[in-house]
PDB file of N, CA and C in Angstrom:
ATOM      1  N   UNK A   1     -14.188 -65.744  40.906  1.00  0.00           N
ATOM      2  CA  UNK A   1     -15.272 -65.909  39.944  1.00  0.00           C
ATOM      3  C   UNK A   1     -15.636 -64.369  40.441  1.00  0.00           C
ATOM      4  N   UNK A   2     -15.895 -63.987  41.674  1.00  0.00           N
ATOM      5  CA  UNK A   2     -16.460 -62.816  42.238  1.00  0.00           C
ATOM      6  C   UNK A   2     -15.842 -61.591  41.561  1.00  0.00           C
ATOM      7  N   UNK A   3     -14.747 -61.564  41.574  1.00  0.00           N
ATOM      8  CA  UNK A   3     -13.877 -60.629  41.280  1.00  0.00           C
ATOM      9  C   UNK A   3     -13.947 -60.316  40.085  1.00  0.00           C
ATOM     10  N   UNK A   4     -13.827 -61.207  39.185  1.00  0.00           N
ATOM     11  CA  UNK A   4     -14.271 -60.890  37.983  1.00  0.00           C
ATOM     12  C   UNK A   4     -15.230 -59.983  37.333  1.00  0.00           C
ATOM     13  N   UNK A   5     -16.190 -60.079  38.317  1.00  0.00           N
ATOM     14  CA  UNK A   5     -17.446 -59.308  38.017  1.00  0.00           C
ATOM     15  C   UNK A   5     -17.300 -57.877  38.646  1.00  0.00           C
ATOM     16  N   UNK A   6     -16.459 -57.576  39.622  1.00  0.00           N
ATOM     17  CA  UNK A   6     -16.134 -56.489  40.268  1.00  0.00           C
ATOM     18  C   UNK A   6     -15.569 -55.797  39.311  1.00  0.00           C
ATOM     19  N   UNK A   7     -14.309 -56.190  38.863  1.00  0.00           N
ATOM     20  CA  UNK A   7     -13.153 -55.816  38.050  1.00  0.00           C
ATOM     21  C   UNK A   7     -13.877 -55.321  36.493  1.00  0.00           C
ATOM     22  N   UNK A   8     -14.665 -55.972  36.325  1.00  0.00           N
ATOM     23  CA  UNK A   8     -15.415 -55.666  35.034  1.00  0.00           C
ATOM     24  C   UNK A   8     -16.317 -54.902  35.152  1.00  0.00           C
ATOM     25  N   UNK A   9     -16.927 -54.704  36.328  1.00  0.00           N
ATOM     26  CA  UNK A   9     -17.836 -53.442  36.732  1.00  0.00           C
ATOM     27  C   UNK A   9     -17.027 -52.119  36.311  1.00  0.00           C
ATOM     28  N   UNK A  10     -15.722 -52.211  37.397  1.00  0.00           N
ATOM     29  CA  UNK A  10     -15.132 -51.051  37.337  1.00  0.00           C
ATOM     30  C   UNK A  10     -14.530 -50.738  36.101  1.00  0.00           C
ATOM     31  N   UNK A  11     -14.321 -51.730  35.419  1.00  0.00           N
ATOM     32  CA  UNK A  11     -13.715 -51.206  33.728  1.00  0.00           C
ATOM     33  C   UNK A  11     -14.394 -50.672  32.988  1.00  0.00           C
ATOM     34  N   UNK A  12     -16.059 -51.302  33.242  1.00  0.00           N
ATOM     35  CA  UNK A  12     -17.114 -50.844  32.186  1.00  0.00           C
ATOM     36  C   UNK A  12     -17.702 -49.218  32.504  1.00  0.00           C
ATOM     37  N   UNK A  13     -17.304 -48.718  33.943  1.00  0.00           N
ATOM     38  CA  UNK A  13     -17.459 -47.500  34.682  1.00  0.00           C
ATOM     39  C   UNK A  13     -16.728 -46.842  34.208  1.00  0.00           C
ATOM     40  N   UNK A  14     -15.615 -47.118  34.247  1.00  0.00           N
ATOM     41  CA  UNK A  14     -14.218 -45.989  33.675  1.00  0.00           C
ATOM     42  C   UNK A  14     -14.241 -46.164  32.223  1.00  0.00           C
ATOM     43  N   UNK A  15     -14.584 -47.136  31.379  1.00  0.00           N
ATOM     44  CA  UNK A  15     -14.608 -46.826  29.737  1.00  0.00           C
ATOM     45  C   UNK A  15     -15.904 -45.766  29.665  1.00  0.00           C
ATOM     46  N   UNK A  16     -17.229 -46.492  30.227  1.00  0.00           N
ATOM     47  CA  UNK A  16     -18.453 -45.277  29.936  1.00  0.00           C
ATOM     48  C   UNK A  16     -18.018 -43.858  30.221  1.00  0.00           C
ATOM     49  N   UNK A  17     -17.319 -43.549  31.476  1.00  0.00           N
ATOM     50  CA  UNK A  17     -16.915 -42.442  31.853  1.00  0.00           C
ATOM     51  C   UNK A  17     -16.139 -41.799  31.017  1.00  0.00           C
ATOM     52  N   UNK A  18     -15.199 -42.395  30.074  1.00  0.00           N
ATOM     53  CA  UNK A  18     -14.299 -42.158  29.372  1.00  0.00           C
ATOM     54  C   UNK A  18     -14.673 -41.612  27.899  1.00  0.00           C
ATOM     55  N   UNK A  19     -15.690 -42.456  27.757  1.00  0.00           N
ATOM     56  CA  UNK A  19     -16.480 -42.007  26.809  1.00  0.00           C
ATOM     57  C   UNK A  19     -17.426 -40.944  26.450  1.00  0.00           C
ATOM     58  N   UNK A  20     -17.902 -40.626  28.393  1.00  0.00           N
ATOM     59  CA  UNK A  20     -18.711 -39.341  28.479  1.00  0.00           C
ATOM     60  C   UNK A  20     -17.664 -38.459  28.249  1.00  0.00           C
ATOM     61  N   UNK A  21     -16.566 -38.429  28.705  1.00  0.00           N
ATOM     62  CA  UNK A  21     -15.543 -36.978  28.370  1.00  0.00           C
ATOM     63  C   UNK A  21     -14.762 -36.691  27.307  1.00  0.00           C
ATOM     64  N   UNK A  22     -14.988 -37.768  26.159  1.00  0.00           N
ATOM     65  CA  UNK A  22     -15.021 -37.493  24.692  1.00  0.00           C
ATOM     66  C   UNK A  22     -15.512 -37.297  24.012  1.00  0.00           C
ATOM     67  N   UNK A  23     -17.047 -38.030  24.060  1.00  0.00           N
ATOM     68  CA  UNK A  23     -17.975 -37.647  23.130  1.00  0.00           C
ATOM     69  C   UNK A  23     -19.143 -36.287  23.815  1.00  0.00           C
ATOM     70  N   UNK A  24     -18.896 -35.513  22.948  1.00  0.00           N
ATOM     71  CA  UNK A  24     -19.619 -34.273  23.524  1.00  0.00           C
ATOM     72  C   UNK A  24     -20.836 -34.633  23.398  1.00  0.00           C
ATOM     73  N   UNK A  25     -21.559 -35.147  22.688  1.00  0.00           N
ATOM     74  CA  UNK A  25     -23.140 -34.976  22.684  1.00  0.00           C
ATOM     75  C   UNK A  25     -23.492 -36.222  23.335  1.00  0.00           C
ATOM     76  N   UNK A  26     -22.865 -36.866  24.421  1.00  0.00           N
ATOM     77  CA  UNK A  26     -23.226 -37.745  25.410  1.00  0.00           C
ATOM     78  C   UNK A  26     -23.498 -36.866  26.638  1.00  0.00           C
ATOM     79  N   UNK A  27     -24.818 -36.482  26.840  1.00  0.00           N
ATOM     80  CA  UNK A  27     -25.020 -35.843  28.013  1.00  0.00           C
ATOM     81  C   UNK A  27     -24.608 -35.733  29.797  1.00  0.00           C
ATOM     82  N   UNK A  28     -24.117 -35.281  29.872  1.00  0.00           N
ATOM     83  CA  UNK A  28     -23.643 -35.787  31.625  1.00  0.00           C
ATOM     84  C   UNK A  28     -24.565 -36.423  32.474  1.00  0.00           C
ATOM     85  N   UNK A  29     -25.705 -35.925  32.104  1.00  0.00           N
ATOM     86  CA  UNK A  29     -26.822 -36.559  32.968  1.00  0.00           C
ATOM     87  C   UNK A  29     -26.892 -38.013  32.740  1.00  0.00           C
ATOM     88  N   UNK A  30     -26.850 -38.464  31.227  1.00  0.00           N
ATOM     89  CA  UNK A  30     -27.367 -39.759  31.300  1.00  0.00           C
ATOM     90  C   UNK A  30     -25.602 -40.541  31.232  1.00  0.00           C
ATOM     91  N   UNK A  31     -24.679 -39.917  31.072  1.00  0.00           N
ATOM     92  CA  UNK A  31     -23.685 -40.603  31.401  1.00  0.00           C
ATOM     93  C   UNK A  31     -23.073 -40.938  32.938  1.00  0.00           C
ATOM     94  N   UNK A  32     -23.734 -39.971  34.104  1.00  0.00           N
ATOM     95  CA  UNK A  32     -23.804 -40.328  35.497  1.00  0.00           C
ATOM     96  C   UNK A  32     -24.468 -41.144  35.467  1.00  0.00           C
ATOM     97  N   UNK A  33     -25.837 -41.484  34.796  1.00  0.00           N
ATOM     98  CA  UNK A  33     -26.878 -42.485  35.291  1.00  0.00           C
ATOM     99  C   UNK A  33     -26.497 -43.697  35.008  1.00  0.00           C
ATOM    100  N   UNK A  34     -25.737 -43.601  33.782  1.00  0.00           N
ATOM    101  CA  UNK A  34     -25.328 -45.030  33.107  1.00  0.00           C
ATOM    102  C   UNK A  34     -24.261 -45.699  34.001  1.00  0.00           C
ATOM    103  N   UNK A  35     -23.563 -44.754  34.399  1.00  0.00           N
ATOM    104  CA  UNK A  35     -22.426 -45.186  35.134  1.00  0.00           C
ATOM    105  C   UNK A  35     -23.102 -45.723  36.697  1.00  0.00           C
ATOM    106  N   UNK A  36     -23.985 -45.067  37.493  1.00  0.00           N
ATOM    107  CA  UNK A  36     -24.935 -45.401  38.580  1.00  0.00           C
ATOM    108  C   UNK A  36     -25.543 -46.944  38.007  1.00  0.00           C
ATOM    109  N   UNK A  37     -26.273 -47.160  37.319  1.00  0.00           N
ATOM    110  CA  UNK A  37     -26.448 -48.634  36.374  1.00  0.00           C
ATOM    111  C   UNK A  37     -25.588 -49.221  36.590  1.00  0.00           C
ATOM    112  N   UNK A  38     -24.365 -49.036  35.860  1.00  0.00           N
ATOM    113  CA  UNK A  38     -23.404 -50.282  35.922  1.00  0.00           C
ATOM    114  C   UNK A  38     -22.907 -50.638  37.127  1.00  0.00           C
ATOM    115  N   UNK A  39     -22.878 -49.723  38.292  1.00  0.00           N
ATOM    116  CA  UNK A  39     -22.309 -49.792  39.585  1.00  0.00           C
ATOM    117  C   UNK A  39     -23.007 -50.724  40.236  1.00  0.00           C
ATOM    118  N   UNK A  40     -24.641 -50.399  40.079  1.00  0.00           N
ATOM    119  CA  UNK A  40     -25.704 -51.138  40.861  1.00  0.00           C
ATOM    120  C   UNK A  40     -25.453 -52.590  40.269  1.00  0.00           C
ATOM    121  N   UNK A  41     -25.428 -53.073  39.005  1.00  0.00           N
ATOM    122  CA  UNK A  41     -25.350 -54.358  38.562  1.00  0.00           C
ATOM    123  C   UNK A  41     -24.268 -54.954  38.735  1.00  0.00           C
ATOM    124  N   UNK A  42     -22.971 -54.461  38.604  1.00  0.00           N
ATOM    125  CA  UNK A  42     -21.727 -54.832  39.311  1.00  0.00           C
ATOM    126  C   UNK A  42     -21.895 -55.472  40.557  1.00  0.00           C
ATOM    127  N   UNK A  43     -22.524 -54.256  41.540  1.00  0.00           N
ATOM    128  CA  UNK A  43     -22.616 -54.488  42.975  1.00  0.00           C
ATOM    129  C   UNK A  43     -23.828 -55.716  43.085  1.00  0.00           C
ATOM    130  N   UNK A  44     -24.777 -55.746  42.600  1.00  0.00           N
ATOM    131  CA  UNK A  44     -25.665 -56.816  42.810  1.00  0.00           C
ATOM    132  C   UNK A  44     -25.132 -58.178  42.567  1.00  0.00           C
ATOM    133  N   UNK A  45     -24.146 -58.497  41.123  1.00  0.00           N
ATOM    134  CA  UNK A  45     -23.632 -59.433  40.732  1.00  0.00           C
ATOM    135  C   UNK A  45     -22.529 -59.860  41.819  1.00  0.00           C
ATOM    136  N   UNK A  46     -21.592 -58.746  42.261  1.00  0.00           N
ATOM    137  CA  UNK A  46     -20.732 -59.266  43.764  1.00  0.00           C
ATOM    138  C   UNK A  46     -21.508 -59.774  44.599  1.00  0.00           C
ATOM    139  N   UNK A  47     -22.746 -59.160  45.257  1.00  0.00           N
ATOM    140  CA  UNK A  47     -23.001 -59.353  46.454  1.00  0.00           C
ATOM    141  C   UNK A  47     -23.888 -60.932  46.320  1.00  0.00           C
ATOM    142  N   UNK A  48     -24.237 -61.387  44.910  1.00  0.00           N
ATOM    143  CA  UNK A  48     -24.677 -62.267  44.665  1.00  0.00           C
ATOM    144  C   UNK A  48     -23.849 -63.720  45.216  1.00  0.00           C
ATOM    145  N   UNK A  49     -22.329 -63.261  44.715  1.00  0.00           N
ATOM    146  CA  UNK A  49     -21.433 -64.345  44.474  1.00  0.00           C
ATOM    147  C   UNK A  49     -20.736 -64.368  46.019  1.00  0.00           C
ATOM    148  N   UNK A  50     -20.723 -63.491  46.867  1.00  0.00           N
ATOM    149  CA  UNK A  50     -20.339 -63.183  47.878  1.00  0.00           C
ATOM    150  C   UNK A  50     -21.218 -64.199  49.104  1.00  0.00           C
ATOM    151  N   UNK A  51     -22.738 -64.268  48.671  1.00  0.00           N
ATOM    152  CA  UNK A  51     -23.282 -65.025  49.775  1.00  0.00           C
ATOM    153  C   UNK A  51     -23.681 -66.530  49.186  1.00  0.00           C
ATOM    154  N   UNK A  52     -23.803 -67.150  50.056  1.00  0.00           N
ATOM    155  CA  UNK A  52     -23.810 -68.359  49.924  1.00  0.00           C
ATOM    156  C   UNK A  52     -24.999 -69.131  49.084  1.00  0.00           C
ATOM    157  N   UNK A  53     -25.098 -68.930  48.201  1.00  0.00           N
ATOM    158  CA  UNK A  53     -26.557 -69.617  47.213  1.00  0.00           C
ATOM    159  C   UNK A  53     -25.882 -70.507  46.661  1.00  0.00           C
ATOM    160  N   UNK A  54     -26.804 -71.413  46.176  1.00  0.00           N
ATOM    161  CA  UNK A  54     -26.281 -72.761  45.547  1.00  0.00           C
ATOM    162  C   UNK A  54     -26.133 -72.376  43.911  1.00  0.00           C
ATOM    163  N   UNK A  55     -25.242 -72.877  43.052  1.00  0.00           N
ATOM    164  CA  UNK A  55     -24.807 -72.501  41.628  1.00  0.00           C
ATOM    165  C   UNK A  55     -26.077 -72.252  41.101  1.00  0.00           C
ATOM    166  N   UNK A  56     -26.876 -73.231  40.805  1.00  0.00           N
ATOM    167  CA  UNK A  56     -28.121 -72.774  40.288  1.00  0.00           C
ATOM    168  C   UNK A  56     -28.821 -71.091  40.194  1.00  0.00           C
ATOM    169  N   UNK A  57     -28.936 -71.005  41.296  1.00  0.00           N
ATOM    170  CA  UNK A  57     -29.245 -69.466  41.750  1.00  0.00           C
ATOM    171  C   UNK A  57     -28.376 -68.526  41.113  1.00  0.00           C
ATOM    172  N   UNK A  58     -26.846 -68.624  41.345  1.00  0.00           N
ATOM    173  CA  UNK A  58     -25.942 -67.771  40.882  1.00  0.00           C
ATOM    174  C   UNK A  58     -25.815 -67.724  39.274  1.00  0.00           C
ATOM    175  N   UNK A  59     -26.074 -68.525  38.720  1.00  0.00           N
ATOM    176  CA  UNK A  59     -25.770 -68.826  37.352  1.00  0.00           C
ATOM    177  C   UNK A  59     -27.570 -67.719  36.759  1.00  0.00           C
ATOM    178  N   UNK A  60     -28.132 -68.461  37.116  1.00  0.00           N
ATOM    179  CA  UNK A  60     -29.449 -67.994  36.627  1.00  0.00           C
ATOM    180  C   UNK A  60     -29.593 -66.159  37.438  1.00  0.00           C
ATOM    181  N   UNK A  61     -29.088 -65.812  38.448  1.00  0.00           N
ATOM    182  CA  UNK A  61     -29.800 -64.537  38.735  1.00  0.00           C
ATOM    183  C   UNK A  61     -28.812 -63.726  38.417  1.00  0.00           C
ATOM    184  N   UNK A  62     -27.070 -64.294  37.767  1.00  0.00           N
ATOM    185  CA  UNK A  62     -26.046 -63.579  37.162  1.00  0.00           C
ATOM    186  C   UNK A  62     -26.618 -63.259  35.466  1.00  0.00           C
ATOM    187  N   UNK A  63     -27.395 -64.041  34.964  1.00  0.00           N
ATOM    188  CA  UNK A  63     -27.927 -64.111  33.601  1.00  0.00           C
ATOM    189  C   UNK A  63     -28.776 -62.969  33.653  1.00  0.00           C
ATOM    190  N   UNK A  64     -29.988 -63.186  34.839  1.00  0.00           N
ATOM    191  CA  UNK A  64     -31.073 -61.905  34.840  1.00  0.00           C
ATOM    192  C   UNK A  64     -30.380 -60.408  35.405  1.00  0.00           C
ATOM    193  N   UNK A  65     -29.731 -60.421  35.851  1.00  0.00           N
ATOM    194  CA  UNK A  65     -29.224 -58.912  36.210  1.00  0.00           C
ATOM    195  C   UNK A  65     -28.115 -58.720  35.158  1.00  0.00           C
ATOM    196  N   UNK A  66     -27.534 -59.280  34.673  1.00  0.00           N
ATOM    197  CA  UNK A  66     -26.565 -58.954  33.527  1.00  0.00           C
ATOM    198  C   UNK A  66     -27.556 -58.509  32.247  1.00  0.00           C
ATOM    199  N   UNK A  67     -28.533 -59.030  31.906  1.00  0.00           N
ATOM    200  CA  UNK A  67     -29.836 -58.748  30.824  1.00  0.00           C
ATOM    201  C   UNK A  67     -30.434 -57.272  31.342  1.00  0.00           C
ATOM    202  N   UNK A  68     -30.548 -57.388  32.670  1.00  0.00           N
ATOM    203  CA  UNK A  68     -31.931 -56.321  33.272  1.00  0.00           C
ATOM    204  C   UNK A  68     -30.803 -55.020  33.158  1.00  0.00           C
ATOM    205  N   UNK A  69     -29.424 -55.208  33.572  1.00  0.00           N
ATOM    206  CA  UNK A  69     -28.610 -54.290  33.635  1.00  0.00           C
ATOM    207  C   UNK A  69     -28.254 -53.685  32.430  1.00  0.00           C
ATOM    208  N   UNK A  70     -28.153 -54.628  31.114  1.00  0.00           N
ATOM    209  CA  UNK A  70     -28.002 -53.725  29.985  1.00  0.00           C
ATOM    210  C   UNK A  70     -29.342 -53.391  29.419  1.00  0.00           C
ATOM    211  N   UNK A  71     -30.274 -53.786  29.764  1.00  0.00           N
ATOM    212  CA  UNK A  71     -31.892 -52.774  29.548  1.00  0.00           C
ATOM    213  C   UNK A  71     -31.552 -51.505  30.116  1.00  0.00           C
ATOM    214  N   UNK A  72     -31.031 -51.585  31.646  1.00  0.00           N
ATOM    215  CA  UNK A  72     -31.095 -50.244  31.933  1.00  0.00           C
ATOM    216  C   UNK A  72     -30.043 -49.217  31.359  1.00  0.00           C
ATOM    217  N   UNK A  73     -28.758 -49.703  31.063  1.00  0.00           N
ATOM    218  CA  UNK A  73     -27.630 -49.439  30.311  1.00  0.00           C
ATOM    219  C   UNK A  73     -28.593 -48.628  29.281  1.00  0.00           C
ATOM    220  N   UNK A  74     -29.164 -49.090  28.165  1.00  0.00           N
ATOM    221  CA  UNK A  74     -29.684 -48.744  27.032  1.00  0.00           C
ATOM    222  C   UNK A  74     -30.694 -47.667  27.441  1.00  0.00           C
ATOM    223  N   UNK A  75     -31.672 -47.711  28.740  1.00  0.00           N
ATOM    224  CA  UNK A  75     -32.518 -46.891  28.741  1.00  0.00           C
ATOM    225  C   UNK A  75     -31.951 -45.333  29.500  1.00  0.00           C
ATOM    226  N   UNK A  76     -30.683 -45.652  29.926  1.00  0.00           N
ATOM    227  CA  UNK A  76     -30.107 -44.544  30.524  1.00  0.00           C
ATOM    228  C   UNK A  76     -29.646 -43.720  29.461  1.00  0.00           C
ATOM    229  N   UNK A  77     -29.339 -44.311  28.096  1.00  0.00           N
ATOM    230  CA  UNK A  77     -28.798 -43.522  26.992  1.00  0.00           C
ATOM    231  C   UNK A  77     -30.049 -42.617  26.349  1.00  0.00           C
ATOM    232  N   UNK A  78     -30.893 -43.109  26.849  1.00  0.00           N
ATOM    233  CA  UNK A  78     -32.443 -42.283  26.221  1.00  0.00           C
ATOM    234  C   UNK A  78     -33.085 -41.418  27.020  1.00  0.00           C
ATOM    235  N   UNK A  79     -32.504 -41.473  28.362  1.00  0.00           N
ATOM    236  CA  UNK A  79     -33.322 -40.946  29.248  1.00  0.00           C
ATOM    237  C   UNK A  79     -33.209 -39.208  29.142  1.00  0.00           C
ATOM    238  N   UNK A  80     -34.471 -38.697  28.981  1.00  0.00           N
ATOM    239  CA  UNK A  80     -34.171 -36.997  29.220  1.00  0.00           C
ATOM    240  C   UNK A  80     -33.712 -36.297  30.736  1.00  0.00           C
ATOM    241  N   UNK A  81     -32.891 -35.384  30.671  1.00  0.00           N
ATOM    242  CA  UNK A  81     -32.600 -34.817  31.884  1.00  0.00           C
ATOM    243  C   UNK A  81     -33.260 -34.326  32.602  1.00  0.00           C
ATOM    244  N   UNK A  82     -34.537 -34.377  32.324  1.00  0.00           N
ATOM    245  CA  UNK A  82     -35.523 -33.716  33.602  1.00  0.00           C
ATOM    246  C   UNK A  82     -35.980 -34.704  34.395  1.00  0.00           C
ATOM    247  N   UNK A  83     -36.262 -34.306  35.527  1.00  0.00           N
ATOM    248  CA  UNK A  83     -36.367 -35.651  36.634  1.00  0.00           C
ATOM    249  C   UNK A  83     -37.963 -35.319  36.644  1.00  0.00           C
ATOM    250  N   UNK A  84     -38.684 -34.629  36.215  1.00  0.00           N
ATOM    251  CA  UNK A  84     -40.336 -34.406  36.248  1.00  0.00           C
ATOM    252  C   UNK A  84     -40.808 -35.132  35.057  1.00  0.00           C
ATOM    253  N   UNK A  85     -41.811 -35.896  35.254  1.00  0.00           N
ATOM    254  CA  UNK A  85     -42.541 -36.562  34.465  1.00  0.00           C
ATOM    255  C   UNK A  85     -41.873 -37.211  33.637  1.00  0.00           C
ATOM    256  N   UNK A  86     -40.797 -38.300  33.796  1.00  0.00           N
ATOM    257  CA  UNK A  86     -39.519 -38.939  33.172  1.00  0.00           C
ATOM    258  C   UNK A  86     -40.008 -40.370  33.661  1.00  0.00           C
ATOM    259  N   UNK A  87     -40.696 -41.070  32.540  1.00  0.00           N
ATOM    260  CA  UNK A  87     -41.193 -42.506  32.336  1.00  0.00           C
ATOM    261  C   UNK A  87     -39.934 -43.428  32.845  1.00  0.00           C
ATOM    262  N   UNK A  88     -38.803 -43.272  32.078  1.00  0.00           N
ATOM    263  CA  UNK A  88     -37.751 -43.647  32.062  1.00  0.00           C
ATOM    264  C   UNK A  88     -37.041 -44.222  33.288  1.00  0.00           C
ATOM    265  N   UNK A  89     -36.880 -42.807  34.028  1.00  0.00           N
ATOM    266  CA  UNK A  89     -36.527 -43.035  35.475  1.00  0.00           C
ATOM    267  C   UNK A  89     -37.245 -44.007  35.882  1.00  0.00           C
ATOM    268  N   UNK A  90     -38.700 -43.534  36.091  1.00  0.00           N
ATOM    269  CA  UNK A  90     -39.430 -44.652  36.842  1.00  0.00           C
ATOM    270  C   UNK A  90     -39.361 -46.357  36.562  1.00  0.00           C
ATOM    271  N   UNK A  91     -39.091 -46.458  35.186  1.00  0.00           N
ATOM    272  CA  UNK A  91     -39.102 -47.455  34.531  1.00  0.00           C
ATOM    273  C   UNK A  91     -37.662 -48.189  35.358  1.00  0.00           C
ATOM    274  N   UNK A  92     -36.534 -47.342  35.082  1.00  0.00           N
ATOM    275  CA  UNK A  92     -34.997 -47.654  35.701  1.00  0.00           C
ATOM    276  C   UNK A  92     -35.009 -47.946  37.271  1.00  0.00           C
ATOM    277  N   UNK A  93     -35.829 -47.263  38.057  1.00  0.00           N
ATOM    278  CA  UNK A  93     -36.081 -47.485  39.367  1.00  0.00           C
ATOM    279  C   UNK A  93     -36.809 -48.710  39.469  1.00  0.00           C
ATOM    280  N   UNK A  94     -38.070 -49.182  38.911  1.00  0.00           N
ATOM    281  CA  UNK A  94     -38.846 -50.337  38.847  1.00  0.00           C
ATOM    282  C   UNK A  94     -38.004 -51.390  38.763  1.00  0.00           C
ATOM    283  N   UNK A  95     -37.213 -51.462  37.339  1.00  0.00           N
ATOM    284  CA  UNK A  95     -36.124 -52.490  37.228  1.00  0.00           C
ATOM    285  C   UNK A  95     -35.031 -52.885  38.778  1.00  0.00           C
ATOM    286  N   UNK A  96     -34.611 -51.757  39.042  1.00  0.00           N
ATOM    287  CA  UNK A  96     -33.652 -52.058  40.019  1.00  0.00           C
ATOM    288  C   UNK A  96     -34.557 -52.969  41.438  1.00  0.00           C
ATOM    289  N   UNK A  97     -35.813 -52.016  41.815  1.00  0.00           N
ATOM    290  CA  UNK A  97     -36.414 -52.753  42.549  1.00  0.00           C
ATOM    291  C   UNK A  97     -36.659 -54.472  42.449  1.00  0.00           C
ATOM    292  N   UNK A  98     -37.037 -54.430  41.259  1.00  0.00           N
ATOM    293  CA  UNK A  98     -37.285 -56.105  40.933  1.00  0.00           C
ATOM    294  C   UNK A  98     -36.091 -56.677  40.856  1.00  0.00           C
ATOM    295  N   UNK A  99     -34.928 -56.163  40.924  1.00  0.00           N
ATOM    296  CA  UNK A  99     -33.610 -56.907  40.899  1.00  0.00           C
ATOM    297  C   UNK A  99     -33.458 -57.267  42.094  1.00  0.00           C
ATOM    298  N   UNK A 100     -33.560 -56.188  43.113  1.00  0.00           N
ATOM    299  CA  UNK A 100     -33.393 -56.340  44.363  1.00  0.00           C
ATOM    300  C   UNK A 100     -34.399 -57.295  45.357  1.00  0.00           C
ATOM    301  N   UNK A 101     -35.925 -57.146  45.107  1.00  0.00           N
ATOM    302  CA  UNK A 101     -36.408 -58.402  45.401  1.00  0.00           C
ATOM    303  C   UNK A 101     -36.356 -59.701  44.766  1.00  0.00           C
ATOM    304  N   UNK A 102     -35.398 -59.851  43.554  1.00  0.00           N
ATOM    305  CA  UNK A 102     -35.274 -61.229  43.189  1.00  0.00           C
ATOM    306  C   UNK A 102     -34.392 -61.739  43.892  1.00  0.00           C
ATOM    307  N   UNK A 103     -33.183 -60.898  44.369  1.00  0.00           N
ATOM    308  CA  UNK A 103     -32.411 -60.946  45.192  1.00  0.00           C
ATOM    309  C   UNK A 103     -32.351 -61.773  46.623  1.00  0.00           C
ATOM    310  N   UNK A 104     -33.385 -60.731  46.940  1.00  0.00           N
ATOM    311  CA  UNK A 104     -33.701 -61.023  48.631  1.00  0.00           C
ATOM    312  C   UNK A 104     -34.607 -62.458  48.301  1.00  0.00           C
ATOM    313  N   UNK A 105     -35.492 -62.558  47.230  1.00  0.00           N
ATOM    314  CA  UNK A 105     -36.413 -63.898  47.096  1.00  0.00           C
ATOM    315  C   UNK A 105     -35.249 -65.224  47.150  1.00  0.00           C
ATOM    316  N   UNK A 106     -33.687 -65.182  46.395  1.00  0.00           N
ATOM    317  CA  UNK A 106     -33.002 -66.122  46.718  1.00  0.00           C
ATOM    318  C   UNK A 106     -32.592 -66.402  47.668  1.00  0.00           C
ATOM    319  N   UNK A 107     -31.976 -65.218  48.289  1.00  0.00           N
ATOM    320  CA  UNK A 107     -31.654 -65.489  50.060  1.00  0.00           C
ATOM    321  C   UNK A 107     -32.623 -66.079  50.852  1.00  0.00           C
ATOM    322  N   UNK A 108     -33.902 -65.853  50.540  1.00  0.00           N
ATOM    323  CA  UNK A 108     -34.888 -66.340  51.169  1.00  0.00           C
ATOM    324  C   UNK A 108     -35.162 -67.975  50.881  1.00  0.00           C
ATOM    325  N   UNK A 109     -34.991 -68.195  49.658  1.00  0.00           N
ATOM    326  CA  UNK A 109     -35.171 -69.777  49.095  1.00  0.00           C
ATOM    327  C   UNK A 109     -33.705 -70.434  49.807  1.00  0.00           C
ATOM    328  N   UNK A 110     -32.937 -69.592  49.986  1.00  0.00           N
ATOM    329  CA  UNK A 110     -31.391 -70.418  50.334  1.00  0.00           C
ATOM    330  C   UNK A 110     -31.687 -70.915  51.952  1.00  0.00           C
ATOM    331  N   UNK A 111     -32.651 -70.081  52.845  1.00  0.00           N
ATOM    332  CA  UNK A 111     -32.839 -70.556  54.029  1.00  0.00           C
ATOM    333  C   UNK A 111     -33.789 -71.759  54.427  1.00  0.00           C
ATOM    334  N   UNK A 112     -34.377 -71.827  53.452  1.00  0.00           N
ATOM    335  CA  UNK A 112     -35.407 -73.071  53.524  1.00  0.00           C
ATOM    336  C   UNK A 112     -34.652 -74.421  53.409  1.00  0.00           C
TER     337      UNK A 112
END
């Protein structure tokens, strides 16, 4: 199961990169930011399935990570290319920190 998410993430990155190369209205900043977002989501889900969590944690966390990954991807499409005063990048970083905290919370609950 874990390889499906890894292969799916790689295919999504390749597809997004191909779209970025073909579509001229897709800015390189947004394209690379979306690739990083897909990579983070696929990496978190892969790490989730390599750790020994209960099946309930895996299914709920996978759902949460996929939904937040889709939200991050959509936000990446509309982000301005300037780093200064860019609220969408702050929201993207906040979502990543929230995902990491949820992952650590699941690992902490596993150890109890």
